[in-house]
């Protein structure tokens, strides 16, 4: 089992980004076992989560699976009742607010995954 962590931004952030070297390699599949989003700040923050198949773009009407979820200060959201299988090029993208500076937010995301 492996994990990936990211500080969420006000701009789209793929936590399995190919450019970072954390993307799903060609010919491999990852089963995401859970996703945690923790509000490390002292006030509420919000986020959207998108599951985007390879070759597609973020589309609020099609790819959004969590819509403007408000997370109180010091709380954690757990997405663990569904299993997500990612192939090369697939993405789990977050967009969050409010901006605490440099497009960053007080939200930290962690995904746990297995190679299948």
C-alpha atoms as a PDB file:
ATOM      1  CA  UNK A   1       0.000   0.000   0.000  1.00  0.00           C
ATOM      2  CA  UNK A   2       1.151   3.531  -0.725  1.00  0.00           C
ATOM      3  CA  UNK A   3      -0.003   7.063   0.026  1.00  0.00           C
ATOM      4  CA  UNK A   4       0.178  10.427  -1.681  1.00  0.00           C
ATOM      5  CA  UNK A   5      -0.260  13.801   0.078  1.00  0.00           C
ATOM      6  CA  UNK A   6      -1.000  17.280  -1.238  1.00  0.00           C
ATOM      7  CA  UNK A   7      -1.880  20.736   0.040  1.00  0.00           C
ATOM      8  CA  UNK A   8      -4.997  21.749  -1.876  1.00  0.00           C
ATOM      9  CA  UNK A   9      -5.086  24.902  -3.986  1.00  0.00           C
ATOM     10  CA  UNK A  10      -7.684  27.312  -5.309  1.00  0.00           C
ATOM     11  CA  UNK A  11      -6.708  26.073  -8.777  1.00  0.00           C
ATOM     12  CA  UNK A  12      -7.175  22.527 -10.060  1.00  0.00           C
ATOM     13  CA  UNK A  13      -4.707  20.113  -8.430  1.00  0.00           C
ATOM     14  CA  UNK A  14      -4.317  16.470  -9.522  1.00  0.00           C
ATOM     15  CA  UNK A  15      -2.968  14.565  -6.519  1.00  0.00           C
ATOM     16  CA  UNK A  16      -1.696  11.807  -8.850  1.00  0.00           C
ATOM     17  CA  UNK A  17      -0.105  14.340 -11.240  1.00  0.00           C
ATOM     18  CA  UNK A  18       2.084  12.840 -13.961  1.00  0.00           C
ATOM     19  CA  UNK A  19       4.398  15.868 -13.853  1.00  0.00           C
ATOM     20  CA  UNK A  20       5.225  15.192 -10.196  1.00  0.00           C
ATOM     21  CA  UNK A  21       6.129  11.575 -10.899  1.00  0.00           C
ATOM     22  CA  UNK A  22       3.176  10.381  -8.824  1.00  0.00           C
ATOM     23  CA  UNK A  23       0.872   9.579 -11.737  1.00  0.00           C
ATOM     24  CA  UNK A  24      -0.209   6.058 -12.590  1.00  0.00           C
ATOM     25  CA  UNK A  25       2.520   4.594 -14.830  1.00  0.00           C
ATOM     26  CA  UNK A  26       1.575   3.338 -18.300  1.00  0.00           C
ATOM     27  CA  UNK A  27       0.450  -0.295 -18.092  1.00  0.00           C
ATOM     28  CA  UNK A  28      -0.391  -0.084 -14.374  1.00  0.00           C
ATOM     29  CA  UNK A  29      -3.621   0.366 -12.414  1.00  0.00           C
ATOM     30  CA  UNK A  30      -4.051   1.806  -8.918  1.00  0.00           C
ATOM     31  CA  UNK A  31      -6.995   1.022  -6.635  1.00  0.00           C
ATOM     32  CA  UNK A  32      -7.641   3.999  -4.369  1.00  0.00           C
ATOM     33  CA  UNK A  33      -8.757   2.614  -1.012  1.00  0.00           C
ATOM     34  CA  UNK A  34      -9.523   5.922   0.693  1.00  0.00           C
ATOM     35  CA  UNK A  35      -9.153   9.666   0.451  1.00  0.00           C
ATOM     36  CA  UNK A  36      -8.888  11.955   3.469  1.00  0.00           C
ATOM     37  CA  UNK A  37      -9.185  15.746   3.418  1.00  0.00           C
ATOM     38  CA  UNK A  38      -8.180  17.536   6.626  1.00  0.00           C
ATOM     39  CA  UNK A  39      -8.815  21.188   7.412  1.00  0.00           C
ATOM     40  CA  UNK A  40      -5.623  22.249   9.190  1.00  0.00           C
ATOM     41  CA  UNK A  41      -6.823  25.831   9.604  1.00  0.00           C
ATOM     42  CA  UNK A  42      -8.859  27.758  12.155  1.00  0.00           C
ATOM     43  CA  UNK A  43     -11.865  28.528   9.940  1.00  0.00           C
ATOM     44  CA  UNK A  44     -14.093  26.596   7.543  1.00  0.00           C
ATOM     45  CA  UNK A  45     -12.837  25.731   4.067  1.00  0.00           C
ATOM     46  CA  UNK A  46     -14.547  24.219   1.011  1.00  0.00           C
ATOM     47  CA  UNK A  47     -13.544  21.850  -1.757  1.00  0.00           C
ATOM     48  CA  UNK A  48     -14.728  20.071  -4.890  1.00  0.00           C
ATOM     49  CA  UNK A  49     -13.352  16.687  -5.940  1.00  0.00           C
ATOM     50  CA  UNK A  50     -13.377  15.459  -9.545  1.00  0.00           C
ATOM     51  CA  UNK A  51     -12.686  11.994 -10.981  1.00  0.00           C
ATOM     52  CA  UNK A  52     -11.424  12.578 -14.514  1.00  0.00           C
ATOM     53  CA  UNK A  53     -10.775   9.807 -17.047  1.00  0.00           C
ATOM     54  CA  UNK A  54      -7.617  10.025 -19.167  1.00  0.00           C
ATOM     55  CA  UNK A  55      -8.004  12.402 -22.094  1.00  0.00           C
ATOM     56  CA  UNK A  56     -10.882  14.352 -20.542  1.00  0.00           C
ATOM     57  CA  UNK A  57     -10.981  17.758 -18.878  1.00  0.00           C
ATOM     58  CA  UNK A  58     -12.411  18.938 -15.582  1.00  0.00           C
ATOM     59  CA  UNK A  59     -16.131  19.555 -16.161  1.00  0.00           C
ATOM     60  CA  UNK A  60     -18.347  20.563 -13.224  1.00  0.00           C
ATOM     61  CA  UNK A  61     -21.400  18.958 -14.857  1.00  0.00           C
ATOM     62  CA  UNK A  62     -19.665  15.625 -15.595  1.00  0.00           C
ATOM     63  CA  UNK A  63     -16.586  14.921 -13.444  1.00  0.00           C
ATOM     64  CA  UNK A  64     -17.454  16.427 -10.043  1.00  0.00           C
ATOM     65  CA  UNK A  65     -18.192  13.833  -7.339  1.00  0.00           C
ATOM     66  CA  UNK A  66     -17.928  16.109  -4.276  1.00  0.00           C
ATOM     67  CA  UNK A  67     -19.536  19.530  -4.683  1.00  0.00           C
ATOM     68  CA  UNK A  68     -18.495  22.489  -2.523  1.00  0.00           C
ATOM     69  CA  UNK A  69     -18.160  20.450   0.668  1.00  0.00           C
ATOM     70  CA  UNK A  70     -17.674  22.772   3.643  1.00  0.00           C
ATOM     71  CA  UNK A  71     -15.212  21.387   6.161  1.00  0.00           C
ATOM     72  CA  UNK A  72     -15.136  23.065   9.591  1.00  0.00           C
ATOM     73  CA  UNK A  73     -11.796  23.990  11.165  1.00  0.00           C
ATOM     74  CA  UNK A  74      -9.814  20.982  12.439  1.00  0.00           C
ATOM     75  CA  UNK A  75     -12.213  18.445  10.858  1.00  0.00           C
ATOM     76  CA  UNK A  76     -11.444  15.591   8.442  1.00  0.00           C
ATOM     77  CA  UNK A  77     -13.599  14.270   5.578  1.00  0.00           C
ATOM     78  CA  UNK A  78     -13.219  10.581   4.699  1.00  0.00           C
ATOM     79  CA  UNK A  79     -14.093   9.137   1.274  1.00  0.00           C
ATOM     80  CA  UNK A  80     -13.755   5.398   1.855  1.00  0.00           C
ATOM     81  CA  UNK A  81     -16.977   3.595   0.994  1.00  0.00           C
ATOM     82  CA  UNK A  82     -16.243   3.487  -2.746  1.00  0.00           C
ATOM     83  CA  UNK A  83     -13.215   2.068  -4.543  1.00  0.00           C
ATOM     84  CA  UNK A  84     -11.736   3.974  -7.444  1.00  0.00           C
ATOM     85  CA  UNK A  85      -9.485   2.296 -10.008  1.00  0.00           C
ATOM     86  CA  UNK A  86      -7.128   4.620 -11.869  1.00  0.00           C
ATOM     87  CA  UNK A  87      -5.411   3.820 -15.157  1.00  0.00           C
ATOM     88  CA  UNK A  88      -2.546   5.825 -16.675  1.00  0.00           C
ATOM     89  CA  UNK A  89      -3.694   9.395 -17.292  1.00  0.00           C
ATOM     90  CA  UNK A  90      -6.720   9.266 -14.983  1.00  0.00           C
ATOM     91  CA  UNK A  91      -6.878  12.031 -12.379  1.00  0.00           C
ATOM     92  CA  UNK A  92      -8.298  12.874  -8.979  1.00  0.00           C
ATOM     93  CA  UNK A  93      -8.523  16.664  -9.022  1.00  0.00           C
ATOM     94  CA  UNK A  94      -9.375  19.045  -6.193  1.00  0.00           C
ATOM     95  CA  UNK A  95     -10.329  22.714  -6.252  1.00  0.00           C
ATOM     96  CA  UNK A  96     -10.540  24.385  -2.826  1.00  0.00           C
ATOM     97  CA  UNK A  97     -11.030  27.706  -1.036  1.00  0.00           C
ATOM     98  CA  UNK A  98     -10.372  30.101   0.619  1.00  0.00           C
ATOM     99  CA  UNK A  99      -6.966  31.250  -0.579  1.00  0.00           C
ATOM    100  CA  UNK A 100      -4.479  31.637   2.311  1.00  0.00           C
ATOM    101  CA  UNK A 101      -1.822  33.017  -0.068  1.00  0.00           C
ATOM    102  CA  UNK A 102      -0.075  31.856  -3.242  1.00  0.00           C
ATOM    103  CA  UNK A 103      -3.269  29.944  -4.287  1.00  0.00           C
ATOM    104  CA  UNK A 104      -2.847  27.552  -1.312  1.00  0.00           C
ATOM    105  CA  UNK A 105      -5.561  26.560   1.171  1.00  0.00           C
ATOM    106  CA  UNK A 106      -5.608  25.062   4.669  1.00  0.00           C
ATOM    107  CA  UNK A 107      -6.823  21.721   3.267  1.00  0.00           C
ATOM    108  CA  UNK A 108      -4.515  18.707   3.153  1.00  0.00           C
ATOM    109  CA  UNK A 109      -5.484  15.653   1.073  1.00  0.00           C
ATOM    110  CA  UNK A 110      -4.172  12.120   1.453  1.00  0.00           C
ATOM    111  CA  UNK A 111      -4.995   9.173  -0.807  1.00  0.00           C
ATOM    112  CA  UNK A 112      -4.137   5.583  -0.013  1.00  0.00           C
ATOM    113  CA  UNK A 113      -3.789   3.206  -2.964  1.00  0.00           C
ATOM    114  CA  UNK A 114      -2.675  -0.248  -4.082  1.00  0.00           C
ATOM    115  CA  UNK A 115      -1.315  -1.395  -7.406  1.00  0.00           C
ATOM    116  CA  UNK A 116      -3.752  -3.887  -8.991  1.00  0.00           C
END
